[in-house]
Protein backbone atom coordinates (compact mmCIF):
# COMPACT_ATOMS: atom_id res chain seq x y z
CA MET A 1 44.87 -1.75 -33.42
CA ASP A 2 42.63 -4.83 -33.01
CA ALA A 3 44.02 -8.09 -31.70
CA ILE A 4 44.53 -10.84 -34.29
CA CYS A 5 42.24 -13.87 -34.19
CA VAL A 6 42.15 -17.22 -35.92
CA GLY A 7 38.86 -19.02 -36.49
CA TRP A 8 37.97 -22.41 -37.92
CA THR A 9 35.08 -23.84 -39.85
CA THR A 10 34.64 -26.95 -42.00
CA VAL A 11 32.72 -27.78 -45.18
CA GLU A 12 32.08 -30.90 -47.23
CA THR A 13 33.79 -30.00 -50.52
CA LYS A 14 36.86 -28.14 -51.78
CA GLU A 15 34.57 -25.98 -53.92
CA GLN A 16 32.58 -24.90 -50.85
CA ALA A 17 35.82 -24.14 -49.02
CA ASP A 18 37.14 -22.07 -51.93
CA ALA A 19 33.88 -20.12 -52.19
CA LEU A 20 33.80 -19.28 -48.48
CA ALA A 21 37.50 -18.34 -48.45
CA GLN A 22 37.15 -16.11 -51.48
CA GLY A 23 34.03 -14.43 -50.11
CA LEU A 24 35.57 -13.75 -46.70
CA VAL A 25 38.68 -12.18 -48.24
CA GLU A 26 36.85 -10.28 -51.00
CA SER A 27 34.47 -8.76 -48.44
CA ARG A 28 37.47 -7.71 -46.29
CA LEU A 29 36.24 -9.72 -43.32
CA ALA A 30 39.37 -11.89 -43.32
CA ALA A 31 42.94 -11.01 -44.21
CA CYS A 32 43.77 -14.60 -45.13
CA VAL A 33 42.00 -17.96 -45.26
CA GLN A 34 43.93 -21.22 -45.53
CA ILE A 35 42.27 -24.48 -46.55
CA ASP A 36 43.40 -27.86 -45.20
CA GLY A 37 42.14 -31.21 -46.20
CA PRO A 38 40.59 -33.37 -46.62
CA VAL A 39 40.39 -34.09 -42.89
CA VAL A 40 38.18 -36.67 -41.23
CA SER A 41 35.70 -35.48 -38.60
CA HIS A 42 34.04 -37.76 -36.05
CA TYR A 43 31.02 -36.34 -34.23
CA ARG A 44 27.55 -37.03 -32.90
CA TRP A 45 24.66 -35.51 -34.88
CA GLU A 46 20.99 -35.98 -34.03
CA GLY A 47 21.84 -38.91 -31.76
CA LYS A 48 23.98 -40.79 -34.28
CA LEU A 49 27.75 -41.17 -34.49
CA GLU A 50 28.96 -39.68 -37.75
CA ARG A 51 32.20 -39.71 -39.73
CA ALA A 52 32.72 -37.23 -42.55
CA ARG A 53 35.44 -36.14 -44.94
CA GLU A 54 35.68 -32.34 -44.74
CA PHE A 55 37.85 -29.38 -45.65
CA ARG A 56 38.95 -27.09 -42.81
CA LEU A 57 39.29 -23.32 -43.21
CA ALA A 58 41.64 -21.35 -40.93
CA VAL A 59 40.48 -17.73 -41.02
CA LYS A 60 42.85 -14.94 -39.92
CA PHE A 61 41.14 -11.66 -39.03
CA ALA A 62 41.08 -8.59 -36.79
CA GLU A 63 39.10 -9.14 -33.59
CA GLY A 64 36.58 -6.46 -34.49
CA LYS A 65 35.35 -8.60 -37.41
CA VAL A 66 34.35 -11.68 -35.40
CA ALA A 67 30.60 -10.93 -35.29
CA ASP A 68 30.51 -9.95 -38.98
CA ILE A 69 32.26 -13.19 -39.93
CA GLU A 70 29.77 -15.20 -37.88
CA THR A 71 26.91 -13.42 -39.66
CA TYR A 72 28.56 -14.06 -43.05
CA LEU A 73 28.92 -17.76 -42.25
CA ARG A 74 25.28 -18.05 -41.13
CA THR A 75 24.27 -16.65 -44.51
CA HIS A 76 26.79 -18.37 -46.83
CA HIS A 77 27.80 -21.61 -45.10
CA PRO A 78 26.18 -24.76 -46.56
CA TYR A 79 25.68 -26.44 -43.15
CA ASP A 80 22.61 -25.86 -40.95
CA THR A 81 24.85 -25.57 -37.89
CA PRO A 82 28.31 -24.56 -39.07
CA GLN A 83 31.33 -24.80 -36.82
CA TRP A 84 32.72 -21.37 -35.99
CA VAL A 85 35.35 -21.40 -33.27
CA ALA A 86 37.70 -18.43 -32.91
CA VAL A 87 40.57 -17.64 -30.58
CA LYS A 88 42.60 -14.50 -29.97
CA ALA A 89 46.31 -14.81 -30.71
CA THR A 90 48.46 -14.39 -27.61
CA HIS A 91 51.27 -13.08 -29.79
CA CYS A 92 51.50 -11.82 -33.34
CA SER A 93 54.42 -10.13 -35.04
CA PRO A 94 53.80 -6.38 -35.32
CA ASP A 95 54.17 -6.36 -39.11
CA TYR A 96 51.68 -9.20 -39.57
CA ALA A 97 49.23 -7.62 -37.13
CA ALA A 98 49.42 -4.33 -39.05
CA TRP A 99 48.78 -6.18 -42.32
CA VAL A 100 45.76 -8.04 -40.92
CA ASN A 101 44.34 -4.79 -39.53
CA SER A 102 44.78 -3.00 -42.84
């Protein structure tokens, strides 16, 4: 059974977040996607300090899907350089892990 991972990305609108979440789950890349927001992001882009209102997606998935999710986001994400940061869970309940892997 694959380890369970959680990954994060952000988008500008709730509609974009819903579309990505639905696509990731429908395509069986993610078991679950939760949307938070709006959140406020502060960052430097092309030499300028930026502040943006965004929606954050928390993507739960089996470790074997990480590359496919990254490819999906490169194709479907509205940003030129989307955030995609993923970590492996150090612990996951066996029942939840089985569900994610199914």
